[in-house]
PDB file of N, CA and C in Angstrom:
ATOM      1  N   UNK A   1      20.373 -42.566   2.505  1.00  0.00           N
ATOM      2  CA  UNK A   1      18.931 -42.668   2.575  1.00  0.00           C
ATOM      3  C   UNK A   1      18.334 -41.295   2.842  1.00  0.00           C
ATOM      4  N   UNK A   2      17.196 -41.047   2.271  1.00  0.00           N
ATOM      5  CA  UNK A   2      16.548 -39.743   2.403  1.00  0.00           C
ATOM      6  C   UNK A   2      16.062 -39.526   3.824  1.00  0.00           C
ATOM      7  N   UNK A   3      16.220 -38.316   4.290  1.00  0.00           N
ATOM      8  CA  UNK A   3      15.784 -37.960   5.632  1.00  0.00           C
ATOM      9  C   UNK A   3      14.285 -37.698   5.629  1.00  0.00           C
ATOM     10  N   UNK A   4      13.582 -38.264   6.603  1.00  0.00           N
ATOM     11  CA  UNK A   4      12.138 -38.071   6.695  1.00  0.00           C
ATOM     12  C   UNK A   4      11.837 -36.743   7.391  1.00  0.00           C
ATOM     13  N   UNK A   5      10.808 -36.090   6.932  1.00  0.00           N
ATOM     14  CA  UNK A   5      10.386 -34.843   7.560  1.00  0.00           C
ATOM     15  C   UNK A   5       8.874 -34.877   7.731  1.00  0.00           C
ATOM     16  N   UNK A   6       8.404 -34.016   8.608  1.00  0.00           N
ATOM     17  CA  UNK A   6       6.968 -33.947   8.865  1.00  0.00           C
ATOM     18  C   UNK A   6       6.271 -33.330   7.661  1.00  0.00           C
ATOM     19  N   UNK A   7       5.131 -33.884   7.304  1.00  0.00           N
ATOM     20  CA  UNK A   7       4.355 -33.376   6.171  1.00  0.00           C
ATOM     21  C   UNK A   7       3.852 -31.973   6.497  1.00  0.00           C
ATOM     22  N   UNK A   8       4.065 -30.997   5.583  1.00  0.00           N
ATOM     23  CA  UNK A   8       3.599 -29.631   5.865  1.00  0.00           C
ATOM     24  C   UNK A   8       2.080 -29.526   5.862  1.00  0.00           C
ATOM     25  N   UNK A   9       1.590 -28.499   6.517  1.00  0.00           N
ATOM     26  CA  UNK A   9       0.161 -28.235   6.574  1.00  0.00           C
ATOM     27  C   UNK A   9      -0.231 -27.453   5.316  1.00  0.00           C
ATOM     28  N   UNK A  10      -0.583 -28.181   4.256  1.00  0.00           N
ATOM     29  CA  UNK A  10      -0.891 -27.545   2.976  1.00  0.00           C
ATOM     30  C   UNK A  10      -2.140 -26.664   3.053  1.00  0.00           C
ATOM     31  N   UNK A  11      -3.111 -27.059   3.863  1.00  0.00           N
ATOM     32  CA  UNK A  11      -4.325 -26.246   4.004  1.00  0.00           C
ATOM     33  C   UNK A  11      -3.986 -24.914   4.675  1.00  0.00           C
ATOM     34  N   UNK A  12      -3.117 -24.947   5.677  1.00  0.00           N
ATOM     35  CA  UNK A  12      -2.694 -23.705   6.338  1.00  0.00           C
ATOM     36  C   UNK A  12      -1.962 -22.778   5.372  1.00  0.00           C
ATOM     37  N   UNK A  13      -1.107 -23.345   4.522  1.00  0.00           N
ATOM     38  CA  UNK A  13      -0.395 -22.547   3.523  1.00  0.00           C
ATOM     39  C   UNK A  13      -1.390 -21.971   2.522  1.00  0.00           C
ATOM     40  N   UNK A  14      -2.353 -22.778   2.112  1.00  0.00           N
ATOM     41  CA  UNK A  14      -3.379 -22.309   1.183  1.00  0.00           C
ATOM     42  C   UNK A  14      -4.180 -21.149   1.781  1.00  0.00           C
ATOM     43  N   UNK A  15      -4.505 -21.246   3.065  1.00  0.00           N
ATOM     44  CA  UNK A  15      -5.245 -20.169   3.740  1.00  0.00           C
ATOM     45  C   UNK A  15      -4.403 -18.889   3.754  1.00  0.00           C
ATOM     46  N   UNK A  16      -3.099 -19.002   4.068  1.00  0.00           N
ATOM     47  CA  UNK A  16      -2.229 -17.825   4.062  1.00  0.00           C
ATOM     48  C   UNK A  16      -2.140 -17.214   2.669  1.00  0.00           C
ATOM     49  N   UNK A  17      -2.051 -18.051   1.644  1.00  0.00           N
ATOM     50  CA  UNK A  17      -2.008 -17.533   0.274  1.00  0.00           C
ATOM     51  C   UNK A  17      -3.305 -16.796  -0.074  1.00  0.00           C
ATOM     52  N   UNK A  18      -4.431 -17.337   0.360  1.00  0.00           N
ATOM     53  CA  UNK A  18      -5.717 -16.690   0.099  1.00  0.00           C
ATOM     54  C   UNK A  18      -5.821 -15.365   0.848  1.00  0.00           C
ATOM     55  N   UNK A  19      -5.369 -15.340   2.098  1.00  0.00           N
ATOM     56  CA  UNK A  19      -5.405 -14.100   2.890  1.00  0.00           C
ATOM     57  C   UNK A  19      -4.518 -13.036   2.249  1.00  0.00           C
ATOM     58  N   UNK A  20      -3.325 -13.428   1.802  1.00  0.00           N
ATOM     59  CA  UNK A  20      -2.433 -12.469   1.150  1.00  0.00           C
ATOM     60  C   UNK A  20      -3.042 -11.953  -0.156  1.00  0.00           C
ATOM     61  N   UNK A  21      -3.699 -12.824  -0.902  1.00  0.00           N
ATOM     62  CA  UNK A  21      -4.334 -12.404  -2.155  1.00  0.00           C
ATOM     63  C   UNK A  21      -5.464 -11.418  -1.883  1.00  0.00           C
ATOM     64  N   UNK A  22      -6.291 -11.702  -0.898  1.00  0.00           N
ATOM     65  CA  UNK A  22      -7.380 -10.783  -0.546  1.00  0.00           C
ATOM     66  C   UNK A  22      -6.840  -9.449  -0.036  1.00  0.00           C
ATOM     67  N   UNK A  23      -5.733  -9.494   0.699  1.00  0.00           N
ATOM     68  CA  UNK A  23      -5.109  -8.270   1.175  1.00  0.00           C
ATOM     69  C   UNK A  23      -4.564  -7.450   0.008  1.00  0.00           C
ATOM     70  N   UNK A  24      -3.992  -8.120  -0.990  1.00  0.00           N
ATOM     71  CA  UNK A  24      -3.517  -7.414  -2.181  1.00  0.00           C
ATOM     72  C   UNK A  24      -4.664  -6.702  -2.895  1.00  0.00           C
ATOM     73  N   UNK A  25      -5.774  -7.389  -3.032  1.00  0.00           N
ATOM     74  CA  UNK A  25      -6.946  -6.794  -3.684  1.00  0.00           C
ATOM     75  C   UNK A  25      -7.437  -5.587  -2.872  1.00  0.00           C
ATOM     76  N   UNK A  26      -7.458  -5.717  -1.548  1.00  0.00           N
ATOM     77  CA  UNK A  26      -7.901  -4.611  -0.695  1.00  0.00           C
ATOM     78  C   UNK A  26      -6.977  -3.409  -0.824  1.00  0.00           C
ATOM     79  N   UNK A  27      -5.665  -3.657  -0.905  1.00  0.00           N
ATOM     80  CA  UNK A  27      -4.714  -2.552  -1.039  1.00  0.00           C
ATOM     81  C   UNK A  27      -4.950  -1.803  -2.347  1.00  0.00           C
ATOM     82  N   UNK A  28      -5.223  -2.538  -3.412  1.00  0.00           N
ATOM     83  CA  UNK A  28      -5.459  -1.900  -4.712  1.00  0.00           C
ATOM     84  C   UNK A  28      -6.748  -1.084  -4.682  1.00  0.00           C
ATOM     85  N   UNK A  29      -7.789  -1.606  -4.064  1.00  0.00           N
ATOM     86  CA  UNK A  29      -9.088  -0.931  -4.063  1.00  0.00           C
ATOM     87  C   UNK A  29      -9.210   0.198  -3.037  1.00  0.00           C
ATOM     88  N   UNK A  30      -8.317   0.247  -2.034  1.00  0.00           N
ATOM     89  CA  UNK A  30      -8.428   1.242  -0.972  1.00  0.00           C
ATOM     90  C   UNK A  30      -7.962   2.630  -1.398  1.00  0.00           C
ATOM     91  N   UNK A  31      -7.234   2.752  -2.473  1.00  0.00           N
ATOM     92  CA  UNK A  31      -6.755   4.060  -2.889  1.00  0.00           C
ATOM     93  C   UNK A  31      -5.517   4.496  -2.137  1.00  0.00           C
ATOM     94  N   UNK A  32      -4.671   3.561  -1.823  1.00  0.00           N
ATOM     95  CA  UNK A  32      -3.401   3.867  -1.155  1.00  0.00           C
ATOM     96  C   UNK A  32      -2.512   4.634  -2.134  1.00  0.00           C
ATOM     97  N   UNK A  33      -1.714   5.609  -1.680  1.00  0.00           N
ATOM     98  CA  UNK A  33      -0.798   6.317  -2.589  1.00  0.00           C
ATOM     99  C   UNK A  33       0.138   5.339  -3.322  1.00  0.00           C
ATOM    100  N   UNK A  34       0.643   5.772  -4.463  1.00  0.00           N
ATOM    101  CA  UNK A  34       1.358   4.895  -5.393  1.00  0.00           C
ATOM    102  C   UNK A  34       2.559   4.178  -4.769  1.00  0.00           C
ATOM    103  N   UNK A  35       3.490   4.901  -4.146  1.00  0.00           N
ATOM    104  CA  UNK A  35       4.706   4.272  -3.624  1.00  0.00           C
ATOM    105  C   UNK A  35       4.410   3.250  -2.534  1.00  0.00           C
ATOM    106  N   UNK A  36       3.613   3.581  -1.509  1.00  0.00           N
ATOM    107  CA  UNK A  36       3.302   2.553  -0.509  1.00  0.00           C
ATOM    108  C   UNK A  36       2.556   1.365  -1.111  1.00  0.00           C
ATOM    109  N   UNK A  37       1.693   1.636  -2.098  1.00  0.00           N
ATOM    110  CA  UNK A  37       0.952   0.552  -2.739  1.00  0.00           C
ATOM    111  C   UNK A  37       1.912  -0.412  -3.428  1.00  0.00           C
ATOM    112  N   UNK A  38       2.870   0.119  -4.159  1.00  0.00           N
ATOM    113  CA  UNK A  38       3.832  -0.732  -4.874  1.00  0.00           C
ATOM    114  C   UNK A  38       4.668  -1.527  -3.879  1.00  0.00           C
ATOM    115  N   UNK A  39       5.121  -0.871  -2.819  1.00  0.00           N
ATOM    116  CA  UNK A  39       5.936  -1.563  -1.818  1.00  0.00           C
ATOM    117  C   UNK A  39       5.138  -2.686  -1.159  1.00  0.00           C
ATOM    118  N   UNK A  40       3.894  -2.404  -0.788  1.00  0.00           N
ATOM    119  CA  UNK A  40       3.055  -3.438  -0.172  1.00  0.00           C
ATOM    120  C   UNK A  40       2.786  -4.601  -1.121  1.00  0.00           C
ATOM    121  N   UNK A  41       2.452  -4.290  -2.373  1.00  0.00           N
ATOM    122  CA  UNK A  41       2.137  -5.351  -3.327  1.00  0.00           C
ATOM    123  C   UNK A  41       3.351  -6.211  -3.637  1.00  0.00           C
ATOM    124  N   UNK A  42       4.513  -5.595  -3.795  1.00  0.00           N
ATOM    125  CA  UNK A  42       5.724  -6.381  -4.060  1.00  0.00           C
ATOM    126  C   UNK A  42       6.076  -7.239  -2.844  1.00  0.00           C
ATOM    127  N   UNK A  43       5.949  -6.671  -1.656  1.00  0.00           N
ATOM    128  CA  UNK A  43       6.226  -7.441  -0.443  1.00  0.00           C
ATOM    129  C   UNK A  43       5.311  -8.643  -0.291  1.00  0.00           C
ATOM    130  N   UNK A  44       4.018  -8.436  -0.557  1.00  0.00           N
ATOM    131  CA  UNK A  44       3.076  -9.554  -0.447  1.00  0.00           C
ATOM    132  C   UNK A  44       3.308 -10.587  -1.545  1.00  0.00           C
ATOM    133  N   UNK A  45       3.670 -10.138  -2.750  1.00  0.00           N
ATOM    134  CA  UNK A  45       3.959 -11.078  -3.834  1.00  0.00           C
ATOM    135  C   UNK A  45       5.194 -11.915  -3.505  1.00  0.00           C
ATOM    136  N   UNK A  46       6.215 -11.287  -2.917  1.00  0.00           N
ATOM    137  CA  UNK A  46       7.401 -12.037  -2.513  1.00  0.00           C
ATOM    138  C   UNK A  46       7.074 -13.029  -1.394  1.00  0.00           C
ATOM    139  N   UNK A  47       6.192 -12.624  -0.486  1.00  0.00           N
ATOM    140  CA  UNK A  47       5.780 -13.536   0.589  1.00  0.00           C
ATOM    141  C   UNK A  47       5.053 -14.744   0.025  1.00  0.00           C
ATOM    142  N   UNK A  48       4.166 -14.505  -0.935  1.00  0.00           N
ATOM    143  CA  UNK A  48       3.436 -15.619  -1.549  1.00  0.00           C
ATOM    144  C   UNK A  48       4.384 -16.527  -2.325  1.00  0.00           C
ATOM    145  N   UNK A  49       5.327 -15.935  -3.044  1.00  0.00           N
ATOM    146  CA  UNK A  49       6.297 -16.739  -3.793  1.00  0.00           C
ATOM    147  C   UNK A  49       7.146 -17.576  -2.839  1.00  0.00           C
ATOM    148  N   UNK A  50       7.528 -16.993  -1.708  1.00  0.00           N
ATOM    149  CA  UNK A  50       8.321 -17.731  -0.724  1.00  0.00           C
ATOM    150  C   UNK A  50       7.516 -18.891  -0.142  1.00  0.00           C
ATOM    151  N   UNK A  51       6.243 -18.668   0.172  1.00  0.00           N
ATOM    152  CA  UNK A  51       5.404 -19.755   0.693  1.00  0.00           C
ATOM    153  C   UNK A  51       5.289 -20.902  -0.306  1.00  0.00           C
ATOM    154  N   UNK A  52       5.059 -20.566  -1.565  1.00  0.00           N
ATOM    155  CA  UNK A  52       4.935 -21.603  -2.596  1.00  0.00           C
ATOM    156  C   UNK A  52       6.248 -22.364  -2.740  1.00  0.00           C
ATOM    157  N   UNK A  53       7.357 -21.619  -2.800  1.00  0.00           N
ATOM    158  CA  UNK A  53       8.659 -22.271  -2.975  1.00  0.00           C
ATOM    159  C   UNK A  53       9.023 -23.130  -1.771  1.00  0.00           C
ATOM    160  N   UNK A  54       8.773 -22.636  -0.573  1.00  0.00           N
ATOM    161  CA  UNK A  54       9.163 -23.376   0.622  1.00  0.00           C
ATOM    162  C   UNK A  54       8.331 -24.631   0.845  1.00  0.00           C
ATOM    163  N   UNK A  55       7.022 -24.528   0.635  1.00  0.00           N
ATOM    164  CA  UNK A  55       6.171 -25.659   0.995  1.00  0.00           C
ATOM    165  C   UNK A  55       5.753 -26.517  -0.187  1.00  0.00           C
ATOM    166  N   UNK A  56       5.308 -25.918  -1.283  1.00  0.00           N
ATOM    167  CA  UNK A  56       4.837 -26.725  -2.398  1.00  0.00           C
ATOM    168  C   UNK A  56       5.993 -27.256  -3.246  1.00  0.00           C
ATOM    169  N   UNK A  57       7.132 -26.547  -3.256  1.00  0.00           N
ATOM    170  CA  UNK A  57       8.306 -27.029  -3.973  1.00  0.00           C
ATOM    171  C   UNK A  57       9.278 -27.730  -3.016  1.00  0.00           C
ATOM    172  N   UNK A  58       8.893 -27.830  -1.748  1.00  0.00           N
ATOM    173  CA  UNK A  58       9.641 -28.554  -0.712  1.00  0.00           C
ATOM    174  C   UNK A  58      11.052 -28.020  -0.501  1.00  0.00           C
ATOM    175  N   UNK A  59      11.279 -26.739  -0.743  1.00  0.00           N
ATOM    176  CA  UNK A  59      12.606 -26.174  -0.528  1.00  0.00           C
ATOM    177  C   UNK A  59      12.924 -26.006   0.963  1.00  0.00           C
ATOM    178  N   UNK A  60      11.902 -25.993   1.784  1.00  0.00           N
ATOM    179  CA  UNK A  60      12.126 -25.866   3.222  1.00  0.00           C
ATOM    180  C   UNK A  60      12.911 -27.057   3.756  1.00  0.00           C
ATOM    181  N   UNK A  61      12.781 -28.190   3.100  1.00  0.00           N
ATOM    182  CA  UNK A  61      13.393 -29.419   3.596  1.00  0.00           C
ATOM    183  C   UNK A  61      14.688 -29.761   2.861  1.00  0.00           C
ATOM    184  N   UNK A  62      15.168 -28.854   2.015  1.00  0.00           N
ATOM    185  CA  UNK A  62      16.395 -29.079   1.256  1.00  0.00           C
ATOM    186  C   UNK A  62      17.589 -28.495   2.005  1.00  0.00           C
ATOM    187  N   UNK A  63      18.798 -28.893   1.600  1.00  0.00           N
ATOM    188  CA  UNK A  63      19.996 -28.322   2.244  1.00  0.00           C
ATOM    189  C   UNK A  63      20.085 -26.813   2.011  1.00  0.00           C
ATOM    190  N   UNK A  64      20.796 -26.146   2.897  1.00  0.00           N
ATOM    191  CA  UNK A  64      20.872 -24.684   2.823  1.00  0.00           C
ATOM    192  C   UNK A  64      21.598 -24.207   1.562  1.00  0.00           C
ATOM    193  N   UNK A  65      22.485 -25.015   0.992  1.00  0.00           N
ATOM    194  CA  UNK A  65      23.167 -24.588  -0.232  1.00  0.00           C
ATOM    195  C   UNK A  65      22.180 -24.421  -1.378  1.00  0.00           C
ATOM    196  N   UNK A  66      21.158 -25.264  -1.433  1.00  0.00           N
ATOM    197  CA  UNK A  66      20.143 -25.125  -2.471  1.00  0.00           C
ATOM    198  C   UNK A  66      19.342 -23.849  -2.264  1.00  0.00           C
ATOM    199  N   UNK A  67      19.096 -23.482  -1.021  1.00  0.00           N
ATOM    200  CA  UNK A  67      18.375 -22.238  -0.732  1.00  0.00           C
ATOM    201  C   UNK A  67      19.181 -21.034  -1.219  1.00  0.00           C
ATOM    202  N   UNK A  68      20.491 -21.080  -1.044  1.00  0.00           N
ATOM    203  CA  UNK A  68      21.348 -19.984  -1.512  1.00  0.00           C
ATOM    204  C   UNK A  68      21.255 -19.879  -3.028  1.00  0.00           C
ATOM    205  N   UNK A  69      21.264 -21.014  -3.708  1.00  0.00           N
ATOM    206  CA  UNK A  69      21.176 -21.021  -5.170  1.00  0.00           C
ATOM    207  C   UNK A  69      19.831 -20.467  -5.625  1.00  0.00           C
ATOM    208  N   UNK A  70      18.771 -20.769  -4.917  1.00  0.00           N
ATOM    209  CA  UNK A  70      17.431 -20.318  -5.311  1.00  0.00           C
ATOM    210  C   UNK A  70      17.263 -18.819  -5.089  1.00  0.00           C
ATOM    211  N   UNK A  71      17.761 -18.286  -3.976  1.00  0.00           N
ATOM    212  CA  UNK A  71      17.525 -16.890  -3.646  1.00  0.00           C
ATOM    213  C   UNK A  71      18.580 -15.926  -4.197  1.00  0.00           C
ATOM    214  N   UNK A  72      19.654 -16.439  -4.771  1.00  0.00           N
ATOM    215  CA  UNK A  72      20.670 -15.570  -5.370  1.00  0.00           C
ATOM    216  C   UNK A  72      20.111 -14.719  -6.504  1.00  0.00           C
ATOM    217  N   UNK A  73      19.311 -15.267  -7.443  1.00  0.00           N
ATOM    218  CA  UNK A  73      18.748 -14.394  -8.487  1.00  0.00           C
ATOM    219  C   UNK A  73      17.870 -13.279  -7.926  1.00  0.00           C
ATOM    220  N   UNK A  74      17.149 -13.534  -6.854  1.00  0.00           N
ATOM    221  CA  UNK A  74      16.334 -12.488  -6.238  1.00  0.00           C
ATOM    222  C   UNK A  74      17.213 -11.363  -5.700  1.00  0.00           C
ATOM    223  N   UNK A  75      18.317 -11.710  -5.068  1.00  0.00           N
ATOM    224  CA  UNK A  75      19.234 -10.698  -4.562  1.00  0.00           C
ATOM    225  C   UNK A  75      19.871  -9.904  -5.703  1.00  0.00           C
ATOM    226  N   UNK A  76      20.248 -10.600  -6.768  1.00  0.00           N
ATOM    227  CA  UNK A  76      20.845  -9.911  -7.918  1.00  0.00           C
ATOM    228  C   UNK A  76      19.832  -8.957  -8.544  1.00  0.00           C
ATOM    229  N   UNK A  77      18.595  -9.407  -8.684  1.00  0.00           N
ATOM    230  CA  UNK A  77      17.543  -8.561  -9.263  1.00  0.00           C
ATOM    231  C   UNK A  77      17.307  -7.321  -8.402  1.00  0.00           C
ATOM    232  N   UNK A  78      17.259  -7.490  -7.105  1.00  0.00           N
ATOM    233  CA  UNK A  78      17.077  -6.362  -6.191  1.00  0.00           C
ATOM    234  C   UNK A  78      18.242  -5.384  -6.306  1.00  0.00           C
ATOM    235  N   UNK A  79      19.445  -5.928  -6.366  1.00  0.00           N
ATOM    236  CA  UNK A  79      20.637  -5.092  -6.524  1.00  0.00           C
ATOM    237  C   UNK A  79      20.566  -4.285  -7.817  1.00  0.00           C
ATOM    238  N   UNK A  80      20.172  -4.926  -8.908  1.00  0.00           N
ATOM    239  CA  UNK A  80      20.093  -4.234 -10.197  1.00  0.00           C
ATOM    240  C   UNK A  80      19.025  -3.145 -10.195  1.00  0.00           C
ATOM    241  N   UNK A  81      17.903  -3.393  -9.549  1.00  0.00           N
ATOM    242  CA  UNK A  81      16.849  -2.376  -9.479  1.00  0.00           C
ATOM    243  C   UNK A  81      17.372  -1.129  -8.770  1.00  0.00           C
ATOM    244  N   UNK A  82      18.067  -1.320  -7.638  1.00  0.00           N
ATOM    245  CA  UNK A  82      18.581  -0.163  -6.914  1.00  0.00           C
ATOM    246  C   UNK A  82      19.737   0.507  -7.648  1.00  0.00           C
ATOM    247  N   UNK A  83      20.513  -0.247  -8.403  1.00  0.00           N
ATOM    248  CA  UNK A  83      21.597   0.348  -9.182  1.00  0.00           C
ATOM    249  C   UNK A  83      21.053   1.161 -10.349  1.00  0.00           C
ATOM    250  N   UNK A  84      19.938   0.718 -10.933  1.00  0.00           N
ATOM    251  CA  UNK A  84      19.371   1.412 -12.081  1.00  0.00           C
ATOM    252  C   UNK A  84      18.331   2.458 -11.694  1.00  0.00           C
ATOM    253  N   UNK A  85      18.001   2.550 -10.428  1.00  0.00           N
ATOM    254  CA  UNK A  85      16.985   3.489  -9.976  1.00  0.00           C
ATOM    255  C   UNK A  85      17.300   4.944 -10.337  1.00  0.00           C
ATOM    256  N   UNK A  86      18.558   5.394 -10.223  1.00  0.00           N
ATOM    257  CA  UNK A  86      18.835   6.784 -10.637  1.00  0.00           C
ATOM    258  C   UNK A  86      18.499   7.038 -12.110  1.00  0.00           C
ATOM    259  N   UNK A  87      18.681   6.043 -12.964  1.00  0.00           N
ATOM    260  CA  UNK A  87      18.336   6.215 -14.369  1.00  0.00           C
ATOM    261  C   UNK A  87      16.830   6.331 -14.568  1.00  0.00           C
ATOM    262  N   UNK A  88      16.058   5.657 -13.729  1.00  0.00           N
ATOM    263  CA  UNK A  88      14.608   5.712 -13.856  1.00  0.00           C
ATOM    264  C   UNK A  88      14.052   7.063 -13.421  1.00  0.00           C
ATOM    265  N   UNK A  89      14.723   7.711 -12.506  1.00  0.00           N
ATOM    266  CA  UNK A  89      14.219   8.983 -12.001  1.00  0.00           C
ATOM    267  C   UNK A  89      14.821  10.183 -12.729  1.00  0.00           C
ATOM    268  N   UNK A  90      15.660   9.953 -13.717  1.00  0.00           N
ATOM    269  CA  UNK A  90      16.284  11.053 -14.455  1.00  0.00           C
ATOM    270  C   UNK A  90      15.247  11.757 -15.329  1.00  0.00           C
ATOM    271  N   UNK A  91      15.481  13.021 -15.583  1.00  0.00           N
ATOM    272  CA  UNK A  91      14.598  13.808 -16.441  1.00  0.00           C
ATOM    273  C   UNK A  91      14.854  13.423 -17.893  1.00  0.00           C
ATOM    274  N   UNK A  92      13.824  13.127 -18.646  1.00  0.00           N
ATOM    275  CA  UNK A  92      14.050  12.761 -20.048  1.00  0.00           C
ATOM    276  C   UNK A  92      14.583  13.944 -20.845  1.00  0.00           C
ATOM    277  N   UNK A  93      15.436  13.651 -21.796  1.00  0.00           N
ATOM    278  CA  UNK A  93      16.034  14.681 -22.638  1.00  0.00           C
ATOM    279  C   UNK A  93      14.992  15.198 -23.622  1.00  0.00           C
ATOM    280  N   UNK A  94      14.930  16.505 -23.752  1.00  0.00           N
ATOM    281  CA  UNK A  94      13.995  17.107 -24.695  1.00  0.00           C
ATOM    282  C   UNK A  94      14.793  17.865 -25.740  1.00  0.00           C
ATOM    283  N   UNK A  95      14.705  17.409 -26.969  1.00  0.00           N
ATOM    284  CA  UNK A  95      15.428  18.045 -28.054  1.00  0.00           C
ATOM    285  C   UNK A  95      14.665  19.280 -28.506  1.00  0.00           C
ATOM    286  N   UNK A  96      15.390  20.356 -28.693  1.00  0.00           N
ATOM    287  CA  UNK A  96      14.767  21.597 -29.155  1.00  0.00           C
ATOM    288  C   UNK A  96      15.407  21.989 -30.475  1.00  0.00           C
ATOM    289  N   UNK A  97      14.922  21.407 -31.525  1.00  0.00           N
ATOM    290  CA  UNK A  97      15.434  21.752 -32.855  1.00  0.00           C
ATOM    291  C   UNK A  97      14.363  22.529 -33.599  1.00  0.00           C
ATOM    292  N   UNK A  98      14.823  23.432 -34.416  1.00  0.00           N
ATOM    293  CA  UNK A  98      13.903  24.193 -35.244  1.00  0.00           C
ATOM    294  C   UNK A  98      13.687  23.444 -36.545  1.00  0.00           C
ATOM    295  N   UNK A  99      12.470  23.354 -36.941  1.00  0.00           N
ATOM    296  CA  UNK A  99      12.173  22.752 -38.237  1.00  0.00           C
ATOM    297  C   UNK A  99      11.832  23.877 -39.207  1.00  0.00           C
ATOM    298  N   UNK A 100      12.556  23.898 -40.273  1.00  0.00           N
ATOM    299  CA  UNK A 100      12.326  24.939 -41.274  1.00  0.00           C
ATOM    300  C   UNK A 100      11.740  24.316 -42.515  1.00  0.00           C
ATOM    301  N   UNK A 101      10.954  25.109 -43.187  1.00  0.00           N
ATOM    302  CA  UNK A 101      10.382  24.642 -44.446  1.00  0.00           C
ATOM    303  C   UNK A 101      11.449  24.710 -45.534  1.00  0.00           C
ATOM    304  N   UNK A 102      11.430  23.766 -46.444  1.00  0.00           N
ATOM    305  CA  UNK A 102      12.407  23.818 -47.531  1.00  0.00           C
ATOM    306  C   UNK A 102      12.197  25.098 -48.355  1.00  0.00           C
ATOM    307  N   UNK A 103      13.269  25.735 -48.692  1.00  0.00           N
ATOM    308  CA  UNK A 103      13.214  26.945 -49.492  1.00  0.00           C
ATOM    309  C   UNK A 103      12.966  28.212 -48.691  1.00  0.00           C
ATOM    310  N   UNK A 104      12.898  28.114 -47.380  1.00  0.00           N
ATOM    311  CA  UNK A 104      12.691  29.285 -46.538  1.00  0.00           C
ATOM    312  C   UNK A 104      13.952  30.136 -46.550  1.00  0.00           C
ATOM    313  N   UNK A 105      13.777  31.461 -46.528  1.00  0.00           N
ATOM    314  CA  UNK A 105      14.910  32.380 -46.547  1.00  0.00           C
ATOM    315  C   UNK A 105      15.391  32.618 -45.121  1.00  0.00           C
ATOM    316  N   UNK A 106      16.706  32.714 -44.980  1.00  0.00           N
ATOM    317  CA  UNK A 106      17.317  32.944 -43.666  1.00  0.00           C
ATOM    318  C   UNK A 106      17.508  34.385 -43.414  1.00  0.00           C
TER     319      UNK A 106
END
């Protein structure tokens, strides 16, 4: 038989989602430097995604094995971003070839 749990406070979750959204808008409009802005926006987006998944998708009340299955792709994605980060910061290759007109004398 299914285990009963207390009904979540959906209005409270909605208020937190609205506050996080307004904070995201404020961060964008305040002129924060690029790196801190990206870190803040990604952090707030992950917080909002976690709130939606935990309360509206009822993952908070599921067994912990399901939580591991849900958050494994997030961990893999984070791992891949940090593994590929050196490639993103590499200097692009610039080819220096001479173009000659056909029939030009050497």
